[in-house]
C-alpha atoms as a PDB file:
ATOM      1  CA  MET A   1      38.314  25.751  57.970  1.00  0.00           C
ATOM      2  CA  GLU A   2      38.833  22.908  55.494  1.00  0.00           C
ATOM      3  CA  GLU A   3      37.799  23.404  51.862  1.00  0.00           C
ATOM      4  CA  VAL A   4      34.756  21.147  52.365  1.00  0.00           C
ATOM      5  CA  ILE A   5      33.752  19.248  55.523  1.00  0.00           C
ATOM      6  CA  GLU A   6      31.757  16.138  54.623  1.00  0.00           C
ATOM      7  CA  ILE A   7      29.207  14.746  57.063  1.00  0.00           C
ATOM      8  CA  ARG A   8      27.986  11.177  56.616  1.00  0.00           C
ATOM      9  CA  SER A   9      24.668  10.395  58.324  1.00  0.00           C
ATOM     10  CA  HIS A  10      24.103   7.429  60.632  1.00  0.00           C
ATOM     11  CA  GLY A  11      21.486   6.171  58.183  1.00  0.00           C
ATOM     12  CA  LYS A  12      24.107   5.734  55.443  1.00  0.00           C
ATOM     13  CA  ARG A  13      26.377   3.535  57.522  1.00  0.00           C
ATOM     14  CA  ASN A  14      26.704  -0.260  57.289  1.00  0.00           C
ATOM     15  CA  VAL A  15      25.136  -0.608  53.829  1.00  0.00           C
ATOM     16  CA  ILE A  16      27.434  -3.500  52.872  1.00  0.00           C
ATOM     17  CA  VAL A  17      27.088  -5.180  56.270  1.00  0.00           C
ATOM     18  CA  THR A  18      23.284  -5.014  56.088  1.00  0.00           C
ATOM     19  CA  GLY A  19      23.342  -6.461  52.566  1.00  0.00           C
ATOM     20  CA  LEU A  20      25.645  -9.308  53.649  1.00  0.00           C
ATOM     21  CA  ILE A  21      23.354 -10.118  56.582  1.00  0.00           C
ATOM     22  CA  GLY A  22      20.446 -10.287  54.179  1.00  0.00           C
ATOM     23  CA  LEU A  23      22.403 -12.593  51.864  1.00  0.00           C
ATOM     24  CA  MET A  24      23.407 -14.853  54.763  1.00  0.00           C
ATOM     25  CA  LEU A  25      19.809 -15.107  55.982  1.00  0.00           C
ATOM     26  CA  PHE A  26      18.621 -15.840  52.443  1.00  0.00           C
ATOM     27  CA  VAL A  27      21.118 -18.706  52.006  1.00  0.00           C
ATOM     28  CA  MET A  28      20.169 -20.182  55.384  1.00  0.00           C
ATOM     29  CA  ALA A  29      16.487 -19.943  54.500  1.00  0.00           C
ATOM     30  CA  VAL A  30      16.962 -21.706  51.139  1.00  0.00           C
ATOM     31  CA  VAL A  31      18.994 -24.477  52.747  1.00  0.00           C
ATOM     32  CA  MET A  32      16.373 -25.051  55.438  1.00  0.00           C
ATOM     33  CA  LEU A  33      13.463 -25.001  52.996  1.00  0.00           C
ATOM     34  CA  LEU A  34      15.078 -27.374  50.521  1.00  0.00           C
ATOM     35  CA  SER A  35      17.095 -29.730  52.681  1.00  0.00           C
ATOM     36  CA  LEU A  36      15.699 -29.967  56.192  1.00  0.00           C
ATOM     37  CA  PRO A  37      12.534 -31.722  57.429  1.00  0.00           C
ATOM     38  CA  GLU A  38       9.147 -29.999  57.269  1.00  0.00           C
ATOM     39  CA  ALA A  39       9.398 -29.248  60.985  1.00  0.00           C
ATOM     40  CA  TYR A  40      11.835 -26.475  60.086  1.00  0.00           C
ATOM     41  CA  TYR A  41       9.589 -25.005  57.373  1.00  0.00           C
ATOM     42  CA  LEU A  42       8.315 -22.097  59.472  1.00  0.00           C
ATOM     43  CA  VAL A  43      11.846 -21.266  60.594  1.00  0.00           C
ATOM     44  CA  GLY A  44      12.936 -21.165  56.974  1.00  0.00           C
ATOM     45  CA  VAL A  45      10.027 -18.867  56.075  1.00  0.00           C
ATOM     46  CA  PHE A  46      10.941 -16.579  58.974  1.00  0.00           C
ATOM     47  CA  LEU A  47      14.568 -16.387  57.838  1.00  0.00           C
ATOM     48  CA  LEU A  48      13.461 -15.707  54.266  1.00  0.00           C
ATOM     49  CA  SER A  49      11.260 -12.841  55.444  1.00  0.00           C
ATOM     50  CA  ALA A  50      14.095 -11.456  57.563  1.00  0.00           C
ATOM     51  CA  SER A  51      16.448 -11.565  54.572  1.00  0.00           C
ATOM     52  CA  ILE A  52      13.963  -9.573  52.474  1.00  0.00           C
ATOM     53  CA  VAL A  53      13.712  -6.947  55.209  1.00  0.00           C
ATOM     54  CA  ALA A  54      17.520  -6.733  55.404  1.00  0.00           C
ATOM     55  CA  PHE A  55      17.777  -6.321  51.617  1.00  0.00           C
ATOM     56  CA  LEU A  56      15.165  -3.537  51.703  1.00  0.00           C
ATOM     57  CA  ILE A  57      17.009  -1.715  54.499  1.00  0.00           C
ATOM     58  CA  ALA A  58      20.279  -2.001  52.575  1.00  0.00           C
ATOM     59  CA  TRP A  59      18.581  -0.666  49.436  1.00  0.00           C
ATOM     60  CA  VAL A  60      17.133   2.332  51.304  1.00  0.00           C
ATOM     61  CA  LYS A  61      20.544   3.078  52.811  1.00  0.00           C
ATOM     62  CA  TYR A  62      22.199   2.753  49.392  1.00  0.00           C
ATOM     63  CA  ARG A  63      19.804   5.263  47.814  1.00  0.00           C
ATOM     64  CA  GLU A  64      20.718   7.964  50.324  1.00  0.00           C
ATOM     65  CA  PRO A  65      23.446  10.442  49.231  1.00  0.00           C
ATOM     66  CA  GLN A  66      26.962   9.559  50.326  1.00  0.00           C
ATOM     67  CA  PHE A  67      27.106  12.664  52.509  1.00  0.00           C
ATOM     68  CA  SER A  68      24.160  14.310  54.258  1.00  0.00           C
ATOM     69  CA  PHE A  69      25.946  17.657  54.723  1.00  0.00           C
ATOM     70  CA  LEU A  70      28.666  19.538  52.887  1.00  0.00           C
ATOM     71  CA  LEU A  71      30.113  22.446  54.857  1.00  0.00           C
ATOM     72  CA  SER A  72      32.096  24.770  52.608  1.00  0.00           C
ATOM     73  CA  LYS A  73      33.568  28.240  52.996  1.00  0.00           C
ATOM     74  CA  THR A  74      30.486  29.708  51.347  1.00  0.00           C
ATOM     75  CA  SER A  75      27.525  27.658  52.565  1.00  0.00           C
ATOM     76  CA  ILE A  76      25.986  24.727  54.374  1.00  0.00           C
ATOM     77  CA  ARG A  77      24.357  22.213  52.023  1.00  0.00           C
ATOM     78  CA  TYR A  78      21.960  19.446  53.066  1.00  0.00           C
ATOM     79  CA  GLN A  79      21.563  16.478  50.707  1.00  0.00           C
ATOM     80  CA  HIS A  80      18.665  14.013  50.662  1.00  0.00           C
ATOM     81  CA  LYS A  81      17.419  11.444  48.175  1.00  0.00           C
ATOM     82  CA  ASN A  82      14.460  13.778  47.507  1.00  0.00           C
ATOM     83  CA  GLY A  83      16.530  16.891  46.927  1.00  0.00           C
ATOM     84  CA  SER A  84      18.734  19.372  48.747  1.00  0.00           C
ATOM     85  CA  TRP A  85      18.884  22.831  50.255  1.00  0.00           C
ATOM     86  CA  ALA A  86      21.774  25.242  50.713  1.00  0.00           C
ATOM     87  CA  LEU A  87      22.233  28.392  52.778  1.00  0.00           C
ATOM     88  CA  PRO A  88      25.075  30.918  52.787  1.00  0.00           C
ATOM     89  CA  TRP A  89      26.565  31.266  56.258  1.00  0.00           C
ATOM     90  CA  ASP A  90      25.596  34.931  56.502  1.00  0.00           C
ATOM     91  CA  SER A  91      21.903  34.068  55.953  1.00  0.00           C
ATOM     92  CA  ILE A  92      21.764  31.975  59.146  1.00  0.00           C
ATOM     93  CA  GLN A  93      20.744  33.978  62.193  1.00  0.00           C
ATOM     94  CA  ARG A  94      21.036  31.317  64.886  1.00  0.00           C
ATOM     95  CA  ILE A  95      22.144  27.682  65.336  1.00  0.00           C
ATOM     96  CA  ASP A  96      21.228  25.638  68.392  1.00  0.00           C
ATOM     97  CA  VAL A  97      19.535  22.561  69.852  1.00  0.00           C
ATOM     98  CA  PRO A  98      15.794  23.368  70.157  1.00  0.00           C
ATOM     99  CA  VAL A  99      14.177  23.131  73.584  1.00  0.00           C
ATOM    100  CA  VAL A 100      10.522  22.391  74.399  1.00  0.00           C
ATOM    101  CA  THR A 101       8.542  23.036  77.559  1.00  0.00           C
ATOM    102  CA  SER A 102       6.899  20.062  79.284  1.00  0.00           C
ATOM    103  CA  GLY A 103       5.136  21.146  82.445  1.00  0.00           C
ATOM    104  CA  PHE A 104       7.815  22.892  84.503  1.00  0.00           C
ATOM    105  CA  GLU A 105      10.661  21.233  82.593  1.00  0.00           C
ATOM    106  CA  ARG A 106      12.565  22.350  79.539  1.00  0.00           C
ATOM    107  CA  LYS A 107      13.745  19.432  77.425  1.00  0.00           C
ATOM    108  CA  PRO A 108      16.172  19.546  74.474  1.00  0.00           C
ATOM    109  CA  LEU A 109      15.112  17.759  71.289  1.00  0.00           C
ATOM    110  CA  ASN A 110      17.387  15.332  69.449  1.00  0.00           C
ATOM    111  CA  MET A 111      17.764  17.842  66.653  1.00  0.00           C
ATOM    112  CA  VAL A 112      19.776  20.773  65.394  1.00  0.00           C
ATOM    113  CA  ALA A 113      17.762  23.860  64.469  1.00  0.00           C
ATOM    114  CA  LEU A 114      18.527  26.844  62.248  1.00  0.00           C
ATOM    115  CA  LYS A 115      16.895  30.257  62.276  1.00  0.00           C
ATOM    116  CA  VAL A 116      17.258  31.905  58.879  1.00  0.00           C
ATOM    117  CA  LYS A 117      17.015  35.544  57.831  1.00  0.00           C
ATOM    118  CA  ASP A 118      14.959  35.034  54.666  1.00  0.00           C
ATOM    119  CA  TYR A 119      12.728  32.179  53.501  1.00  0.00           C
ATOM    120  CA  VAL A 120      12.840  33.071  49.796  1.00  0.00           C
ATOM    121  CA  PRO A 121      16.184  31.400  48.884  1.00  0.00           C
ATOM    122  CA  LEU A 122      14.973  28.191  50.529  1.00  0.00           C
ATOM    123  CA  ILE A 123      11.521  27.956  48.998  1.00  0.00           C
ATOM    124  CA  GLU A 124      12.749  28.958  45.525  1.00  0.00           C
ATOM    125  CA  ASN A 125      15.627  26.463  45.381  1.00  0.00           C
ATOM    126  CA  MET A 126      14.311  23.431  47.270  1.00  0.00           C
ATOM    127  CA  SER A 127      12.600  20.641  45.340  1.00  0.00           C
ATOM    128  CA  PRO A 128       8.870  20.080  45.978  1.00  0.00           C
ATOM    129  CA  ARG A 129       9.615  16.444  46.894  1.00  0.00           C
ATOM    130  CA  LEU A 130      11.983  17.460  49.668  1.00  0.00           C
ATOM    131  CA  MET A 131       9.514  20.068  50.936  1.00  0.00           C
ATOM    132  CA  SER A 132       6.785  17.433  51.105  1.00  0.00           C
ATOM    133  CA  ASN A 133       9.111  15.017  52.896  1.00  0.00           C
ATOM    134  CA  ILE A 134      10.093  17.623  55.496  1.00  0.00           C
ATOM    135  CA  LEU A 135       6.463  18.648  56.048  1.00  0.00           C
ATOM    136  CA  MET A 136       5.589  15.027  56.841  1.00  0.00           C
ATOM    137  CA  GLU A 137       8.600  14.420  59.084  1.00  0.00           C
ATOM    138  CA  GLN A 138       8.044  17.622  61.054  1.00  0.00           C
ATOM    139  CA  ARG A 139       4.465  16.885  62.062  1.00  0.00           C
ATOM    140  CA  PRO A 140       5.379  15.755  65.611  1.00  0.00           C
ATOM    141  CA  LEU A 141       7.057  19.133  66.193  1.00  0.00           C
ATOM    142  CA  LEU A 142       3.715  20.880  65.797  1.00  0.00           C
ATOM    143  CA  PHE A 143       2.441  19.441  69.075  1.00  0.00           C
ATOM    144  CA  HIS A 144       5.201  21.055  71.129  1.00  0.00           C
ATOM    145  CA  ASN A 145       4.494  24.399  72.819  1.00  0.00           C
ATOM    146  CA  MET A 146       0.980  24.542  71.375  1.00  0.00           C
ATOM    147  CA  PRO A 147      -1.150  27.672  71.938  1.00  0.00           C
ATOM    148  CA  ALA A 148      -3.371  27.696  75.042  1.00  0.00           C
ATOM    149  CA  GLU A 149      -6.573  27.521  72.993  1.00  0.00           C
ATOM    150  CA  SER A 150      -5.407  24.248  71.430  1.00  0.00           C
ATOM    151  CA  ASP A 151      -4.663  22.761  74.853  1.00  0.00           C
ATOM    152  CA  ASN A 152      -8.284  23.352  75.816  1.00  0.00           C
ATOM    153  CA  CYS A 153      -9.718  21.900  72.617  1.00  0.00           C
ATOM    154  CA  ALA A 154     -12.846  19.915  73.484  1.00  0.00           C
ATOM    155  CA  THR A 155     -13.594  18.284  70.134  1.00  0.00           C
ATOM    156  CA  GLY A 156     -10.075  17.405  69.105  1.00  0.00           C
ATOM    157  CA  SER A 157     -10.519  19.015  65.667  1.00  0.00           C
ATOM    158  CA  CYS A 158      -8.069  21.773  66.540  1.00  0.00           C
ATOM    159  CA  TYR A 159      -5.280  19.200  66.678  1.00  0.00           C
ATOM    160  CA  SER A 160      -5.922  18.146  63.092  1.00  0.00           C
ATOM    161  CA  ASP A 161      -6.047  21.821  62.101  1.00  0.00           C
ATOM    162  CA  GLU A 162      -2.526  22.211  63.434  1.00  0.00           C
ATOM    163  CA  LEU A 163      -1.276  19.773  60.789  1.00  0.00           C
ATOM    164  CA  LEU A 164      -2.643  21.856  57.906  1.00  0.00           C
ATOM    165  CA  GLU A 165      -0.828  24.796  56.360  1.00  0.00           C
ATOM    166  CA  ASP A 166      -2.210  27.643  54.286  1.00  0.00           C
ATOM    167  CA  ASP A 167      -1.291  27.274  50.604  1.00  0.00           C
ATOM    168  CA  VAL A 168      -0.716  31.002  50.084  1.00  0.00           C
ATOM    169  CA  TYR A 169       2.315  32.875  51.442  1.00  0.00           C
ATOM    170  CA  LYS A 170       3.452  36.476  50.987  1.00  0.00           C
ATOM    171  CA  SER A 171       7.176  37.123  51.396  1.00  0.00           C
ATOM    172  CA  ASN A 172       8.681  40.193  53.029  1.00  0.00           C
ATOM    173  CA  GLN A 173       9.409  41.461  49.519  1.00  0.00           C
ATOM    174  CA  GLY A 174       5.698  41.241  48.668  1.00  0.00           C
ATOM    175  CA  LYS A 175       5.907  38.234  46.334  1.00  0.00           C
ATOM    176  CA  ILE A 176       3.052  35.726  46.522  1.00  0.00           C
ATOM    177  CA  TYR A 177       3.821  31.991  46.649  1.00  0.00           C
ATOM    178  CA  LYS A 178       1.260  29.229  46.327  1.00  0.00           C
ATOM    179  CA  GLY A 179       1.076  25.450  46.692  1.00  0.00           C
ATOM    180  CA  ILE A 180       3.815  23.441  48.366  1.00  0.00           C
ATOM    181  CA  GLN A 181       6.176  26.437  48.510  1.00  0.00           C
ATOM    182  CA  ALA A 182       3.616  28.443  50.476  1.00  0.00           C
ATOM    183  CA  MET A 183       2.837  25.519  52.771  1.00  0.00           C
ATOM    184  CA  PHE A 184       6.524  25.047  53.529  1.00  0.00           C
ATOM    185  CA  ALA A 185       7.037  28.755  54.276  1.00  0.00           C
ATOM    186  CA  ASN A 186       3.964  28.830  56.509  1.00  0.00           C
ATOM    187  CA  ARG A 187       5.206  25.733  58.351  1.00  0.00           C
ATOM    188  CA  MET A 188       8.540  27.439  59.021  1.00  0.00           C
ATOM    189  CA  THR A 189       6.658  30.489  60.302  1.00  0.00           C
ATOM    190  CA  LYS A 190       4.564  28.347  62.638  1.00  0.00           C
ATOM    191  CA  LEU A 191       7.558  26.449  64.000  1.00  0.00           C
ATOM    192  CA  ARG A 192       9.466  29.693  64.547  1.00  0.00           C
ATOM    193  CA  GLN A 193       6.572  30.937  66.668  1.00  0.00           C
ATOM    194  CA  ARG A 194       6.506  27.687  68.673  1.00  0.00           C
ATOM    195  CA  LEU A 195      10.180  26.740  68.967  1.00  0.00           C
ATOM    196  CA  GLY A 196      12.129  29.729  67.701  1.00  0.00           C
ATOM    197  CA  TYR A 197      13.651  28.150  64.571  1.00  0.00           C
ATOM    198  CA  ASP A 198      12.814  27.458  60.929  1.00  0.00           C
ATOM    199  CA  LEU A 199      14.778  24.385  59.808  1.00  0.00           C
ATOM    200  CA  TYR A 200      15.168  21.229  61.916  1.00  0.00           C
ATOM    201  CA  ILE A 201      17.781  18.525  61.351  1.00  0.00           C
ATOM    202  CA  PRO A 202      17.239  15.098  63.011  1.00  0.00           C
ATOM    203  CA  VAL A 203      20.255  13.600  64.766  1.00  0.00           C
ATOM    204  CA  SER A 204      19.955  10.583  62.437  1.00  0.00           C
ATOM    205  CA  GLU A 205      21.266  12.827  59.635  1.00  0.00           C
ATOM    206  CA  LEU A 206      24.454  13.545  61.570  1.00  0.00           C
ATOM    207  CA  ASP A 207      27.697  11.739  62.340  1.00  0.00           C
ATOM    208  CA  ARG A 208      27.945  13.042  65.925  1.00  0.00           C
ATOM    209  CA  PRO A 209      25.733  14.207  68.838  1.00  0.00           C
ATOM    210  CA  GLU A 210      23.565  17.221  68.068  1.00  0.00           C
ATOM    211  CA  SER A 211      25.413  19.477  70.554  1.00  0.00           C
ATOM    212  CA  ASP A 212      28.742  18.702  68.866  1.00  0.00           C
ATOM    213  CA  PHE A 213      27.258  19.445  65.446  1.00  0.00           C
ATOM    214  CA  VAL A 214      25.996  22.807  66.721  1.00  0.00           C
ATOM    215  CA  VAL A 215      29.552  23.636  67.854  1.00  0.00           C
ATOM    216  CA  LEU A 216      30.933  22.638  64.450  1.00  0.00           C
ATOM    217  CA  LEU A 217      28.406  24.772  62.537  1.00  0.00           C
ATOM    218  CA  ARG A 218      29.030  27.779  64.767  1.00  0.00           C
ATOM    219  CA  GLN A 219      32.782  27.442  64.301  1.00  0.00           C
ATOM    220  CA  CYS A 220      32.395  27.227  60.530  1.00  0.00           C
ATOM    221  CA  GLN A 221      30.118  30.258  60.451  1.00  0.00           C
ATOM    222  CA  GLU A 222      32.399  32.330  62.685  1.00  0.00           C
ATOM    223  CA  GLN A 223      35.503  31.517  60.639  1.00  0.00           C
ATOM    224  CA  VAL A 224      33.760  32.459  57.404  1.00  0.00           C
ATOM    225  CA  LEU A 225      32.139  35.666  58.679  1.00  0.00           C
ATOM    226  CA  TYR A 226      35.185  36.955  60.557  1.00  0.00           C
ATOM    227  CA  SER A 227      37.538  36.214  57.653  1.00  0.00           C
ATOM    228  CA  ASN A 228      35.532  38.417  55.276  1.00  0.00           C
END
């Protein structure tokens, strides 16, 4: 295994190209608004709006970390503009592509999922901003493999209840966590019950298909664990 394997997300790509497109659209818009007849005014406004959108996209891409994942001989580290998390390889119990049941079909999600042995290192070392971001992004996952009583909900209120997490959590060691840490731990518990995993990584954070990334992570983990 290399000293550090760096993974650049799809979202980080083409920052310069996106910025240049925005600049080109801006120049075209200014030329049309200042030099061409009024008949082209709306076209110029449209191009100006498109240039602003392109600049915003480029700015969002620029703010993201250069690499979304750093795979070292000791751990896997995820990096986000709102924070990061890291896990030693021996604290990961399972790595796979999660699968959901739809009728009689089983469909893989465009994600990579991790099942961890202990929540405490995650909730104690992850920033509250990143926890909040993940809680928001994971909401669609809550509607997969829902309990039977939720499927028969007549009022619809049970669906909104699924989006709420208890703000108190007791670890296996007996320590009590409250607030966003507790909500994040309870969300991981709920998703483990539904889908079998705790952490979920969208394919947009990767530089390759999710199945290939699973193979890479498993290879890294095996090399580290078997070499010790």
